[in-house]
PDB file of N, CA and C in Angstrom:
ATOM      1  N   MET A   1      60.692 121.422  27.616  1.00  0.00           N
ATOM      2  CA  MET A   1      61.506 122.108  28.605  1.00  0.00           C
ATOM      3  C   MET A   1      62.380 121.099  29.350  1.00  0.00           C
ATOM      4  N   ALA A   2      63.639 121.434  29.556  1.00  0.00           N
ATOM      5  CA  ALA A   2      64.575 120.529  30.219  1.00  0.00           C
ATOM      6  C   ALA A   2      64.331 120.509  31.721  1.00  0.00           C
ATOM      7  N   LYS A   3      64.497 119.321  32.301  1.00  0.00           N
ATOM      8  CA  LYS A   3      64.354 119.199  33.750  1.00  0.00           C
ATOM      9  C   LYS A   3      65.593 119.768  34.431  1.00  0.00           C
ATOM     10  N   THR A   4      65.385 120.350  35.588  1.00  0.00           N
ATOM     11  CA  THR A   4      66.477 120.964  36.340  1.00  0.00           C
ATOM     12  C   THR A   4      66.670 120.240  37.660  1.00  0.00           C
ATOM     13  N   GLY A   5      67.919 120.094  38.071  1.00  0.00           N
ATOM     14  CA  GLY A   5      68.252 119.484  39.348  1.00  0.00           C
ATOM     15  C   GLY A   5      69.264 120.342  40.083  1.00  0.00           C
ATOM     16  N   ILE A   6      69.512 119.982  41.334  1.00  0.00           N
ATOM     17  CA  ILE A   6      70.508 120.688  42.143  1.00  0.00           C
ATOM     18  C   ILE A   6      71.623 119.706  42.468  1.00  0.00           C
ATOM     19  N   VAL A   7      72.865 120.100  42.187  1.00  0.00           N
ATOM     20  CA  VAL A   7      74.031 119.280  42.513  1.00  0.00           C
ATOM     21  C   VAL A   7      74.708 119.909  43.720  1.00  0.00           C
ATOM     22  N   HIS A   8      74.717 119.185  44.835  1.00  0.00           N
ATOM     23  CA  HIS A   8      75.385 119.634  46.057  1.00  0.00           C
ATOM     24  C   HIS A   8      76.768 118.985  46.078  1.00  0.00           C
ATOM     25  N   ILE A   9      77.825 119.799  46.094  1.00  0.00           N
ATOM     26  CA  ILE A   9      79.197 119.285  46.142  1.00  0.00           C
ATOM     27  C   ILE A   9      79.791 119.659  47.489  1.00  0.00           C
ATOM     28  N   PHE A  10      80.082 118.643  48.314  1.00  0.00           N
ATOM     29  CA  PHE A  10      80.771 118.871  49.584  1.00  0.00           C
ATOM     30  C   PHE A  10      82.210 118.433  49.387  1.00  0.00           C
ATOM     31  N   ALA A  11      83.136 119.389  49.384  1.00  0.00           N
ATOM     32  CA  ALA A  11      84.538 119.090  49.109  1.00  0.00           C
ATOM     33  C   ALA A  11      85.390 119.474  50.304  1.00  0.00           C
ATOM     34  N   SER A  12      85.780 118.478  51.090  1.00  0.00           N
ATOM     35  CA  SER A  12      86.738 118.720  52.166  1.00  0.00           C
ATOM     36  C   SER A  12      88.113 118.308  51.644  1.00  0.00           C
ATOM     37  N   HIS A  13      89.129 118.382  52.482  1.00  0.00           N
ATOM     38  CA  HIS A  13      90.464 118.003  52.041  1.00  0.00           C
ATOM     39  C   HIS A  13      90.643 116.488  52.055  1.00  0.00           C
ATOM     40  N   ASN A  14      89.745 115.760  52.723  1.00  0.00           N
ATOM     41  CA  ASN A  14      89.851 114.308  52.802  1.00  0.00           C
ATOM     42  C   ASN A  14      88.885 113.560  51.901  1.00  0.00           C
ATOM     43  N   ASN A  15      87.826 114.187  51.427  1.00  0.00           N
ATOM     44  CA  ASN A  15      86.822 113.483  50.641  1.00  0.00           C
ATOM     45  C   ASN A  15      86.006 114.480  49.820  1.00  0.00           C
ATOM     46  N   THR A  16      85.357 113.966  48.775  1.00  0.00           N
ATOM     47  CA  THR A  16      84.435 114.761  47.965  1.00  0.00           C
ATOM     48  C   THR A  16      83.134 113.991  47.848  1.00  0.00           C
ATOM     49  N   ILE A  17      82.030 114.607  48.233  1.00  0.00           N
ATOM     50  CA  ILE A  17      80.722 113.965  48.179  1.00  0.00           C
ATOM     51  C   ILE A  17      79.833 114.795  47.257  1.00  0.00           C
ATOM     52  N   ILE A  18      79.202 114.131  46.280  1.00  0.00           N
ATOM     53  CA  ILE A  18      78.310 114.819  45.346  1.00  0.00           C
ATOM     54  C   ILE A  18      76.924 114.214  45.463  1.00  0.00           C
ATOM     55  N   LEU A  19      75.934 115.083  45.594  1.00  0.00           N
ATOM     56  CA  LEU A  19      74.545 114.676  45.784  1.00  0.00           C
ATOM     57  C   LEU A  19      73.693 115.396  44.748  1.00  0.00           C
ATOM     58  N   LEU A  20      72.869 114.639  44.018  1.00  0.00           N
ATOM     59  CA  LEU A  20      71.975 115.215  43.013  1.00  0.00           C
ATOM     60  C   LEU A  20      70.552 115.103  43.513  1.00  0.00           C
ATOM     61  N   THR A  21      69.869 116.254  43.614  1.00  0.00           N
ATOM     62  CA  THR A  21      68.483 116.268  44.080  1.00  0.00           C
ATOM     63  C   THR A  21      67.603 116.932  43.027  1.00  0.00           C
ATOM     64  N   ASP A  22      66.286 116.826  43.224  1.00  0.00           N
ATOM     65  CA  ASP A  22      65.362 117.538  42.338  1.00  0.00           C
ATOM     66  C   ASP A  22      65.415 119.030  42.674  1.00  0.00           C
ATOM     67  N   ILE A  23      64.634 119.820  41.976  1.00  0.00           N
ATOM     68  CA  ILE A  23      64.706 121.280  42.124  1.00  0.00           C
ATOM     69  C   ILE A  23      64.272 121.746  43.514  1.00  0.00           C
ATOM     70  N   THR A  24      63.421 120.973  44.197  1.00  0.00           N
ATOM     71  CA  THR A  24      63.009 121.354  45.550  1.00  0.00           C
ATOM     72  C   THR A  24      64.072 120.997  46.578  1.00  0.00           C
ATOM     73  N   GLY A  25      64.942 120.038  46.253  1.00  0.00           N
ATOM     74  CA  GLY A  25      65.982 119.612  47.180  1.00  0.00           C
ATOM     75  C   GLY A  25      65.534 118.544  48.141  1.00  0.00           C
ATOM     76  N   SER A  26      64.294 118.069  48.002  1.00  0.00           N
ATOM     77  CA  SER A  26      63.769 117.088  48.955  1.00  0.00           C
ATOM     78  C   SER A  26      63.991 115.647  48.504  1.00  0.00           C
ATOM     79  N   GLU A  27      64.015 115.391  47.199  1.00  0.00           N
ATOM     80  CA  GLU A  27      64.161 114.024  46.702  1.00  0.00           C
ATOM     81  C   GLU A  27      65.570 113.807  46.165  1.00  0.00           C
ATOM     82  N   THR A  28      66.277 112.817  46.711  1.00  0.00           N
ATOM     83  CA  THR A  28      67.625 112.495  46.265  1.00  0.00           C
ATOM     84  C   THR A  28      67.556 111.606  45.032  1.00  0.00           C
ATOM     85  N   ILE A  29      68.245 112.002  43.978  1.00  0.00           N
ATOM     86  CA  ILE A  29      68.255 111.227  42.737  1.00  0.00           C
ATOM     87  C   ILE A  29      69.512 110.372  42.651  1.00  0.00           C
ATOM     88  N   ALA A  30      70.664 110.950  42.959  1.00  0.00           N
ATOM     89  CA  ALA A  30      71.925 110.214  42.907  1.00  0.00           C
ATOM     90  C   ALA A  30      72.851 110.728  43.996  1.00  0.00           C
ATOM     91  N   LYS A  31      73.703 109.816  44.484  1.00  0.00           N
ATOM     92  CA  LYS A  31      74.635 110.180  45.548  1.00  0.00           C
ATOM     93  C   LYS A  31      75.904 109.357  45.359  1.00  0.00           C
ATOM     94  N   CYS A  32      77.060 109.988  45.465  1.00  0.00           N
ATOM     95  CA  CYS A  32      78.320 109.270  45.296  1.00  0.00           C
ATOM     96  C   CYS A  32      79.420 110.023  46.046  1.00  0.00           C
ATOM     97  N   SER A  33      80.445 109.287  46.491  1.00  0.00           N
ATOM     98  CA  SER A  33      81.555 109.918  47.206  1.00  0.00           C
ATOM     99  C   SER A  33      82.881 109.415  46.653  1.00  0.00           C
ATOM    100  N   GLY A  34      83.950 110.086  47.033  1.00  0.00           N
ATOM    101  CA  GLY A  34      85.278 109.711  46.565  1.00  0.00           C
ATOM    102  C   GLY A  34      85.703 108.333  47.019  1.00  0.00           C
ATOM    103  N   GLY A  35      85.230 107.905  48.175  1.00  0.00           N
ATOM    104  CA  GLY A  35      85.567 106.581  48.689  1.00  0.00           C
ATOM    105  C   GLY A  35      84.946 105.449  47.898  1.00  0.00           C
ATOM    106  N   MET A  36      83.922 105.752  47.086  1.00  0.00           N
ATOM    107  CA  MET A  36      83.266 104.721  46.284  1.00  0.00           C
ATOM    108  C   MET A  36      84.000 104.452  44.975  1.00  0.00           C
ATOM    109  N   VAL A  37      84.908 105.337  44.564  1.00  0.00           N
ATOM    110  CA  VAL A  37      85.553 105.183  43.259  1.00  0.00           C
ATOM    111  C   VAL A  37      87.055 104.927  43.329  1.00  0.00           C
ATOM    112  N   VAL A  38      87.705 105.190  44.461  1.00  0.00           N
ATOM    113  CA  VAL A  38      89.139 104.909  44.587  1.00  0.00           C
ATOM    114  C   VAL A  38      89.362 103.899  45.702  1.00  0.00           C
ATOM    115  N   LYS A  39      90.481 103.184  45.600  1.00  0.00           N
ATOM    116  CA  LYS A  39      90.753 102.140  46.586  1.00  0.00           C
ATOM    117  C   LYS A  39      91.488 102.673  47.813  1.00  0.00           C
ATOM    118  N   ALA A  40      92.451 103.566  47.589  1.00  0.00           N
ATOM    119  CA  ALA A  40      93.250 104.077  48.698  1.00  0.00           C
ATOM    120  C   ALA A  40      92.510 105.198  49.418  1.00  0.00           C
ATOM    121  N   GLN A  41      92.526 105.153  50.741  1.00  0.00           N
ATOM    122  CA  GLN A  41      91.786 106.134  51.529  1.00  0.00           C
ATOM    123  C   GLN A  41      92.353 107.540  51.378  1.00  0.00           C
ATOM    124  N   HIS A  42      93.659 107.651  51.194  1.00  0.00           N
ATOM    125  CA  HIS A  42      94.255 108.989  51.102  1.00  0.00           C
ATOM    126  C   HIS A  42      93.983 109.665  49.759  1.00  0.00           C
ATOM    127  N   LYS A  43      93.371 108.953  48.808  1.00  0.00           N
ATOM    128  CA  LYS A  43      93.064 109.541  47.501  1.00  0.00           C
ATOM    129  C   LYS A  43      91.605 109.954  47.366  1.00  0.00           C
ATOM    130  N   GLU A  44      90.818 109.840  48.433  1.00  0.00           N
ATOM    131  CA  GLU A  44      89.393 110.156  48.376  1.00  0.00           C
ATOM    132  C   GLU A  44      89.133 111.623  48.058  1.00  0.00           C
ATOM    133  N   GLY A  45      89.985 112.515  48.514  1.00  0.00           N
ATOM    134  CA  GLY A  45      89.782 113.944  48.292  1.00  0.00           C
ATOM    135  C   GLY A  45      90.495 114.484  47.072  1.00  0.00           C
ATOM    136  N   SER A  46      91.083 113.600  46.264  1.00  0.00           N
ATOM    137  CA  SER A  46      91.867 114.037  45.108  1.00  0.00           C
ATOM    138  C   SER A  46      90.971 114.506  43.963  1.00  0.00           C
ATOM    139  N   PRO A  47      91.514 115.314  43.057  1.00  0.00           N
ATOM    140  CA  PRO A  47      90.731 115.759  41.902  1.00  0.00           C
ATOM    141  C   PRO A  47      90.295 114.603  41.001  1.00  0.00           C
ATOM    142  N   TYR A  48      91.125 113.548  40.908  1.00  0.00           N
ATOM    143  CA  TYR A  48      90.768 112.387  40.084  1.00  0.00           C
ATOM    144  C   TYR A  48      89.507 111.714  40.620  1.00  0.00           C
ATOM    145  N   ALA A  49      89.444 111.525  41.924  1.00  0.00           N
ATOM    146  CA  ALA A  49      88.263 110.908  42.538  1.00  0.00           C
ATOM    147  C   ALA A  49      87.033 111.781  42.318  1.00  0.00           C
ATOM    148  N   ALA A  50      87.192 113.090  42.424  1.00  0.00           N
ATOM    149  CA  ALA A  50      86.068 114.010  42.215  1.00  0.00           C
ATOM    150  C   ALA A  50      85.570 113.953  40.778  1.00  0.00           C
ATOM    151  N   MET A  51      86.498 113.806  39.820  1.00  0.00           N
ATOM    152  CA  MET A  51      86.107 113.687  38.415  1.00  0.00           C
ATOM    153  C   MET A  51      85.280 112.431  38.185  1.00  0.00           C
ATOM    154  N   LYS A  52      85.732 111.312  38.743  1.00  0.00           N
ATOM    155  CA  LYS A  52      85.015 110.044  38.573  1.00  0.00           C
ATOM    156  C   LYS A  52      83.634 110.100  39.225  1.00  0.00           C
ATOM    157  N   VAL A  53      83.550 110.714  40.399  1.00  0.00           N
ATOM    158  CA  VAL A  53      82.268 110.849  41.099  1.00  0.00           C
ATOM    159  C   VAL A  53      81.308 111.701  40.267  1.00  0.00           C
ATOM    160  N   ALA A  54      81.809 112.800  39.703  1.00  0.00           N
ATOM    161  CA  ALA A  54      80.971 113.682  38.887  1.00  0.00           C
ATOM    162  C   ALA A  54      80.486 112.979  37.623  1.00  0.00           C
ATOM    163  N   GLU A  55      81.332 112.115  37.037  1.00  0.00           N
ATOM    164  CA  GLU A  55      80.920 111.350  35.854  1.00  0.00           C
ATOM    165  C   GLU A  55      79.760 110.418  36.183  1.00  0.00           C
ATOM    166  N   ILE A  56      79.838 109.749  37.338  1.00  0.00           N
ATOM    167  CA  ILE A  56      78.771 108.832  37.762  1.00  0.00           C
ATOM    168  C   ILE A  56      77.470 109.595  37.978  1.00  0.00           C
ATOM    169  N   VAL A  57      77.555 110.741  38.652  1.00  0.00           N
ATOM    170  CA  VAL A  57      76.358 111.544  38.928  1.00  0.00           C
ATOM    171  C   VAL A  57      75.770 112.103  37.631  1.00  0.00           C
ATOM    172  N   ALA A  58      76.624 112.522  36.687  1.00  0.00           N
ATOM    173  CA  ALA A  58      76.144 113.049  35.404  1.00  0.00           C
ATOM    174  C   ALA A  58      75.430 111.964  34.605  1.00  0.00           C
ATOM    175  N   GLU A  59      75.943 110.746  34.673  1.00  0.00           N
ATOM    176  CA  GLU A  59      75.312 109.623  33.971  1.00  0.00           C
ATOM    177  C   GLU A  59      73.925 109.326  34.544  1.00  0.00           C
ATOM    178  N   LYS A  60      73.822 109.346  35.872  1.00  0.00           N
ATOM    179  CA  LYS A  60      72.523 109.103  36.516  1.00  0.00           C
ATOM    180  C   LYS A  60      71.547 110.242  36.238  1.00  0.00           C
ATOM    181  N   ALA A  61      72.069 111.465  36.112  1.00  0.00           N
ATOM    182  CA  ALA A  61      71.214 112.615  35.791  1.00  0.00           C
ATOM    183  C   ALA A  61      70.641 112.472  34.384  1.00  0.00           C
ATOM    184  N   ARG A  62      71.482 112.001  33.451  1.00  0.00           N
ATOM    185  CA  ARG A  62      71.016 111.789  32.084  1.00  0.00           C
ATOM    186  C   ARG A  62      69.934 110.716  32.020  1.00  0.00           C
ATOM    187  N   GLU A  63      70.087 109.663  32.829  1.00  0.00           N
ATOM    188  CA  GLU A  63      69.084 108.591  32.872  1.00  0.00           C
ATOM    189  C   GLU A  63      67.732 109.113  33.348  1.00  0.00           C
ATOM    190  N   LYS A  64      67.751 110.056  34.281  1.00  0.00           N
ATOM    191  CA  LYS A  64      66.512 110.623  34.826  1.00  0.00           C
ATOM    192  C   LYS A  64      65.975 111.782  33.989  1.00  0.00           C
ATOM    193  N   GLY A  65      66.717 112.193  32.966  1.00  0.00           N
ATOM    194  CA  GLY A  65      66.252 113.264  32.086  1.00  0.00           C
ATOM    195  C   GLY A  65      66.597 114.661  32.549  1.00  0.00           C
ATOM    196  N   ILE A  66      67.555 114.781  33.461  1.00  0.00           N
ATOM    197  CA  ILE A  66      67.964 116.106  33.956  1.00  0.00           C
ATOM    198  C   ILE A  66      69.078 116.644  33.061  1.00  0.00           C
ATOM    199  N   GLU A  67      68.857 117.829  32.498  1.00  0.00           N
ATOM    200  CA  GLU A  67      69.844 118.438  31.608  1.00  0.00           C
ATOM    201  C   GLU A  67      70.484 119.683  32.217  1.00  0.00           C
ATOM    202  N   ASP A  68      69.716 120.465  32.968  1.00  0.00           N
ATOM    203  CA  ASP A  68      70.229 121.682  33.604  1.00  0.00           C
ATOM    204  C   ASP A  68      70.445 121.424  35.088  1.00  0.00           C
ATOM    205  N   VAL A  69      71.522 121.992  35.640  1.00  0.00           N
ATOM    206  CA  VAL A  69      71.766 121.849  37.077  1.00  0.00           C
ATOM    207  C   VAL A  69      72.160 123.189  37.683  1.00  0.00           C
ATOM    208  N   ILE A  70      71.839 123.326  38.949  1.00  0.00           N
ATOM    209  CA  ILE A  70      72.310 124.434  39.774  1.00  0.00           C
ATOM    210  C   ILE A  70      73.320 123.809  40.727  1.00  0.00           C
ATOM    211  N   ILE A  71      74.534 124.339  40.774  1.00  0.00           N
ATOM    212  CA  ILE A  71      75.587 123.744  41.598  1.00  0.00           C
ATOM    213  C   ILE A  71      75.738 124.541  42.883  1.00  0.00           C
ATOM    214  N   LYS A  72      75.732 123.818  44.009  1.00  0.00           N
ATOM    215  CA  LYS A  72      75.977 124.428  45.314  1.00  0.00           C
ATOM    216  C   LYS A  72      77.227 123.783  45.898  1.00  0.00           C
ATOM    217  N   VAL A  73      78.304 124.561  46.005  1.00  0.00           N
ATOM    218  CA  VAL A  73      79.585 124.064  46.505  1.00  0.00           C
ATOM    219  C   VAL A  73      79.706 124.414  47.974  1.00  0.00           C
ATOM    220  N   ARG A  74      80.155 123.443  48.763  1.00  0.00           N
ATOM    221  CA  ARG A  74      80.269 123.652  50.206  1.00  0.00           C
ATOM    222  C   ARG A  74      81.625 123.163  50.686  1.00  0.00           C
ATOM    223  N   GLY A  75      82.312 124.006  51.469  1.00  0.00           N
ATOM    224  CA  GLY A  75      83.535 123.602  52.144  1.00  0.00           C
ATOM    225  C   GLY A  75      83.178 123.106  53.535  1.00  0.00           C
ATOM    226  N   GLN A  76      84.176 122.886  54.378  1.00  0.00           N
ATOM    227  CA  GLN A  76      83.877 122.391  55.724  1.00  0.00           C
ATOM    228  C   GLN A  76      83.177 123.446  56.564  1.00  0.00           C
ATOM    229  N   GLY A  77      83.725 124.642  56.582  1.00  0.00           N
ATOM    230  CA  GLY A  77      83.074 125.744  57.279  1.00  0.00           C
ATOM    231  C   GLY A  77      83.131 125.645  58.785  1.00  0.00           C
ATOM    232  N   GLY A  78      82.409 126.555  59.439  1.00  0.00           N
ATOM    233  CA  GLY A  78      82.444 126.614  60.894  1.00  0.00           C
ATOM    234  C   GLY A  78      83.790 127.124  61.352  1.00  0.00           C
ATOM    235  N   ILE A  79      84.439 126.394  62.286  1.00  0.00           N
ATOM    236  CA  ILE A  79      85.774 126.785  62.726  1.00  0.00           C
ATOM    237  C   ILE A  79      86.845 126.095  61.891  1.00  0.00           C
ATOM    238  N   LYS A  80      86.431 125.249  60.951  1.00  0.00           N
ATOM    239  CA  LYS A  80      87.356 124.555  60.052  1.00  0.00           C
ATOM    240  C   LYS A  80      87.571 125.410  58.804  1.00  0.00           C
ATOM    241  N   PRO A  81      88.433 124.967  57.874  1.00  0.00           N
ATOM    242  CA  PRO A  81      88.697 125.798  56.683  1.00  0.00           C
ATOM    243  C   PRO A  81      87.435 126.099  55.883  1.00  0.00           C
ATOM    244  N   LYS A  82      87.321 127.334  55.428  1.00  0.00           N
ATOM    245  CA  LYS A  82      86.120 127.744  54.707  1.00  0.00           C
ATOM    246  C   LYS A  82      86.238 127.535  53.202  1.00  0.00           C
ATOM    247  N   SER A  83      87.460 127.322  52.711  1.00  0.00           N
ATOM    248  CA  SER A  83      87.619 127.099  51.273  1.00  0.00           C
ATOM    249  C   SER A  83      87.321 125.635  50.948  1.00  0.00           C
ATOM    250  N   PRO A  84      86.622 125.382  49.837  1.00  0.00           N
ATOM    251  CA  PRO A  84      86.355 123.994  49.453  1.00  0.00           C
ATOM    252  C   PRO A  84      87.650 123.274  49.090  1.00  0.00           C
ATOM    253  N   GLY A  85      87.642 121.962  49.168  1.00  0.00           N
ATOM    254  CA  GLY A  85      88.822 121.167  48.847  1.00  0.00           C
ATOM    255  C   GLY A  85      89.131 121.182  47.364  1.00  0.00           C
ATOM    256  N   GLN A  86      90.211 120.495  46.990  1.00  0.00           N
ATOM    257  CA  GLN A  86      90.672 120.519  45.604  1.00  0.00           C
ATOM    258  C   GLN A  86      89.754 119.755  44.662  1.00  0.00           C
ATOM    259  N   GLY A  87      88.840 118.959  45.202  1.00  0.00           N
ATOM    260  CA  GLY A  87      87.941 118.184  44.361  1.00  0.00           C
ATOM    261  C   GLY A  87      86.788 118.972  43.783  1.00  0.00           C
ATOM    262  N   ALA A  88      86.465 120.126  44.348  1.00  0.00           N
ATOM    263  CA  ALA A  88      85.297 120.897  43.904  1.00  0.00           C
ATOM    264  C   ALA A  88      85.455 121.390  42.472  1.00  0.00           C
ATOM    265  N   GLU A  89      86.602 121.956  42.171  1.00  0.00           N
ATOM    266  CA  GLU A  89      86.829 122.503  40.835  1.00  0.00           C
ATOM    267  C   GLU A  89      86.859 121.394  39.785  1.00  0.00           C
ATOM    268  N   ALA A  90      87.490 120.274  40.128  1.00  0.00           N
ATOM    269  CA  ALA A  90      87.566 119.142  39.199  1.00  0.00           C
ATOM    270  C   ALA A  90      86.184 118.553  38.934  1.00  0.00           C
ATOM    271  N   ALA A  91      85.331 118.538  39.952  1.00  0.00           N
ATOM    272  CA  ALA A  91      83.977 118.002  39.792  1.00  0.00           C
ATOM    273  C   ALA A  91      83.144 118.888  38.869  1.00  0.00           C
ATOM    274  N   ILE A  92      83.260 120.202  39.019  1.00  0.00           N
ATOM    275  CA  ILE A  92      82.513 121.129  38.160  1.00  0.00           C
ATOM    276  C   ILE A  92      82.981 121.001  36.712  1.00  0.00           C
ATOM    277  N   LEU A  93      84.291 120.882  36.519  1.00  0.00           N
ATOM    278  CA  LEU A  93      84.854 120.717  35.181  1.00  0.00           C
ATOM    279  C   LEU A  93      84.363 119.423  34.541  1.00  0.00           C
ATOM    280  N   SER A  94      84.310 118.370  35.325  1.00  0.00           N
ATOM    281  CA  SER A  94      83.861 117.070  34.826  1.00  0.00           C
ATOM    282  C   SER A  94      82.380 117.090  34.458  1.00  0.00           C
ATOM    283  N   LEU A  95      81.578 117.823  35.214  1.00  0.00           N
ATOM    284  CA  LEU A  95      80.152 117.934  34.886  1.00  0.00           C
ATOM    285  C   LEU A  95      79.956 118.643  33.546  1.00  0.00           C
ATOM    286  N   THR A  96      80.748 119.684  33.280  1.00  0.00           N
ATOM    287  CA  THR A  96      80.620 120.395  32.006  1.00  0.00           C
ATOM    288  C   THR A  96      81.087 119.526  30.843  1.00  0.00           C
ATOM    289  N   ARG A  97      82.102 118.709  31.060  1.00  0.00           N
ATOM    290  CA  ARG A  97      82.581 117.808  30.006  1.00  0.00           C
ATOM    291  C   ARG A  97      81.565 116.723  29.670  1.00  0.00           C
ATOM    292  N   ASN A  98      80.719 116.373  30.633  1.00  0.00           N
ATOM    293  CA  ASN A  98      79.709 115.337  30.424  1.00  0.00           C
ATOM    294  C   ASN A  98      78.374 115.919  29.964  1.00  0.00           C
ATOM    295  N   ASN A  99      78.422 117.077  29.321  1.00  0.00           N
ATOM    296  CA  ASN A  99      77.255 117.710  28.690  1.00  0.00           C
ATOM    297  C   ASN A  99      76.105 117.984  29.654  1.00  0.00           C
ATOM    298  N   VAL A 100      76.435 118.442  30.850  1.00  0.00           N
ATOM    299  CA  VAL A 100      75.416 118.888  31.802  1.00  0.00           C
ATOM    300  C   VAL A 100      75.479 120.411  31.806  1.00  0.00           C
ATOM    301  N   ARG A 101      74.361 121.061  31.474  1.00  0.00           N
ATOM    302  CA  ARG A 101      74.339 122.522  31.430  1.00  0.00           C
ATOM    303  C   ARG A 101      74.262 123.082  32.842  1.00  0.00           C
ATOM    304  N   ILE A 102      75.135 124.025  33.142  1.00  0.00           N
ATOM    305  CA  ILE A 102      75.187 124.617  34.480  1.00  0.00           C
ATOM    306  C   ILE A 102      74.493 125.974  34.434  1.00  0.00           C
ATOM    307  N   ARG A 103      73.458 126.124  35.250  1.00  0.00           N
ATOM    308  CA  ARG A 103      72.743 127.406  35.329  1.00  0.00           C
ATOM    309  C   ARG A 103      73.496 128.390  36.201  1.00  0.00           C
ATOM    310  N   SER A 104      73.859 127.946  37.412  1.00  0.00           N
ATOM    311  CA  SER A 104      74.578 128.839  38.319  1.00  0.00           C
ATOM    312  C   SER A 104      75.409 128.020  39.290  1.00  0.00           C
ATOM    313  N   ILE A 105      76.442 128.664  39.840  1.00  0.00           N
ATOM    314  CA  ILE A 105      77.301 128.049  40.848  1.00  0.00           C
ATOM    315  C   ILE A 105      77.284 128.975  42.051  1.00  0.00           C
ATOM    316  N   GLU A 106      76.975 128.424  43.225  1.00  0.00           N
ATOM    317  CA  GLU A 106      76.989 129.253  44.431  1.00  0.00           C
ATOM    318  C   GLU A 106      77.717 128.539  45.565  1.00  0.00           C
ATOM    319  N   ASN A 107      78.327 129.332  46.419  1.00  0.00           N
ATOM    320  CA  ASN A 107      79.065 128.811  47.562  1.00  0.00           C
ATOM    321  C   ASN A 107      78.152 128.848  48.782  1.00  0.00           C
ATOM    322  N   VAL A 108      77.913 127.687  49.384  1.00  0.00           N
ATOM    323  CA  VAL A 108      77.016 127.620  50.539  1.00  0.00           C
ATOM    324  C   VAL A 108      77.762 127.149  51.790  1.00  0.00           C
ATOM    325  N   THR A 109      79.057 127.470  51.878  1.00  0.00           N
ATOM    326  CA  THR A 109      79.852 127.093  53.044  1.00  0.00           C
ATOM    327  C   THR A 109      79.339 127.826  54.277  1.00  0.00           C
ATOM    328  N   PRO A 110      79.073 127.094  55.376  1.00  0.00           N
ATOM    329  CA  PRO A 110      78.583 127.766  56.579  1.00  0.00           C
ATOM    330  C   PRO A 110      79.648 128.670  57.199  1.00  0.00           C
ATOM    331  N   VAL A 111      79.254 129.886  57.525  1.00  0.00           N
ATOM    332  CA  VAL A 111      80.164 130.857  58.128  1.00  0.00           C
ATOM    333  C   VAL A 111      79.670 131.147  59.537  1.00  0.00           C
ATOM    334  N   PRO A 112      80.540 131.005  60.548  1.00  0.00           N
ATOM    335  CA  PRO A 112      80.080 131.257  61.912  1.00  0.00           C
ATOM    336  C   PRO A 112      79.930 132.751  62.178  1.00  0.00           C
ATOM    337  N   HIS A 113      78.938 133.101  62.961  1.00  0.00           N
ATOM    338  CA  HIS A 113      78.764 134.484  63.396  1.00  0.00           C
ATOM    339  C   HIS A 113      79.276 134.573  64.830  1.00  0.00           C
ATOM    340  N   ASP A 114      80.585 134.340  64.971  1.00  0.00           N
ATOM    341  CA  ASP A 114      81.286 134.272  66.258  1.00  0.00           C
ATOM    342  C   ASP A 114      80.677 133.210  67.161  1.00  0.00           C
ATOM    343  N   GLY A 115      80.682 131.980  66.666  1.00  0.00           N
ATOM    344  CA  GLY A 115      80.129 130.857  67.412  1.00  0.00           C
ATOM    345  C   GLY A 115      81.144 130.255  68.364  1.00  0.00           C
ATOM    346  N   CYS A 116      81.810 129.190  67.951  1.00  0.00           N
ATOM    347  CA  CYS A 116      82.743 128.463  68.813  1.00  0.00           C
ATOM    348  C   CYS A 116      84.104 129.151  68.841  1.00  0.00           C
ATOM    349  N   ARG A 117      84.803 128.977  69.942  1.00  0.00           N
ATOM    350  CA  ARG A 117      86.140 129.521  70.079  1.00  0.00           C
ATOM    351  C   ARG A 117      87.112 128.642  69.302  1.00  0.00           C
ATOM    352  N   ARG A 118      88.058 129.268  68.610  1.00  0.00           N
ATOM    353  CA  ARG A 118      89.035 128.522  67.829  1.00  0.00           C
ATOM    354  C   ARG A 118      90.064 127.875  68.735  1.00  0.00           C
ATOM    355  N   LYS A 119      90.754 126.847  68.203  1.00  0.00           N
ATOM    356  CA  LYS A 119      91.808 126.186  68.958  1.00  0.00           C
ATOM    357  C   LYS A 119      92.972 127.144  69.174  1.00  0.00           C
ATOM    358  N   LYS A 120      93.746 126.881  70.244  1.00  0.00           N
ATOM    359  CA  LYS A 120      94.895 127.753  70.488  1.00  0.00           C
ATOM    360  C   LYS A 120      95.946 127.518  69.406  1.00  0.00           C
ATOM    361  N   ARG A 121      96.676 128.560  69.079  1.00  0.00           N
ATOM    362  CA  ARG A 121      97.693 128.462  68.042  1.00  0.00           C
ATOM    363  C   ARG A 121      98.955 127.854  68.604  1.00  0.00           C
ATOM    364  N   HIS A 122      99.640 127.104  67.745  1.00  0.00           N
ATOM    365  CA  HIS A 122     100.933 126.555  68.145  1.00  0.00           C
ATOM    366  C   HIS A 122     101.982 127.653  68.069  1.00  0.00           C
ATOM    367  N   ARG A 123     102.956 127.561  68.944  1.00  0.00           N
ATOM    368  CA  ARG A 123     103.998 128.576  68.955  1.00  0.00           C
ATOM    369  C   ARG A 123     104.965 128.310  67.817  1.00  0.00           C
ATOM    370  N   SER A 124     105.337 129.351  67.110  1.00  0.00           N
ATOM    371  CA  SER A 124     106.291 129.188  66.008  1.00  0.00           C
ATOM    372  C   SER A 124     107.707 129.167  66.567  1.00  0.00           C
ATOM    373  N   LYS A 125     108.585 128.503  65.834  1.00  0.00           N
ATOM    374  CA  LYS A 125     109.980 128.410  66.275  1.00  0.00           C
ATOM    375  C   LYS A 125     110.688 129.728  66.006  1.00  0.00           C
ATOM    376  N   LYS A 126     111.412 130.207  66.998  1.00  0.00           N
ATOM    377  CA  LYS A 126     112.203 131.433  66.846  1.00  0.00           C
ATOM    378  C   LYS A 126     113.573 131.036  66.317  1.00  0.00           C
ATOM    379  N   GLU A 127     114.059 131.810  65.376  1.00  0.00           N
ATOM    380  CA  GLU A 127     115.375 131.479  64.813  1.00  0.00           C
ATOM    381  C   GLU A 127     116.468 132.320  65.389  1.00  0.00           C
TER     382      GLU A 127
END
């Protein structure tokens, strides 16, 4: 029977962080971020950085004998944007290319139940 792990993908617009844990979620097996693979800070959240991060995590998963993964994608959430950044889709694609079987993909972005008040809106220019 193949070992299963959980891949947590946190994709904001500035960075992509991928964390591989065991099935319980308590033991961290591998961890990597966009800042570890690209030199320029403004490229940390790019799809290229997310692809490279996913390749590193997939390689470490293979070393530990993990073949199946459950993917949990998370955006910033709260009062910030709820959609994941552009790196999330590229990371999932890269994991499939590196022969990691995906069991399921779920969105775990935190949604406020009317928590904090949003910032005031800027006034638009009248023409």
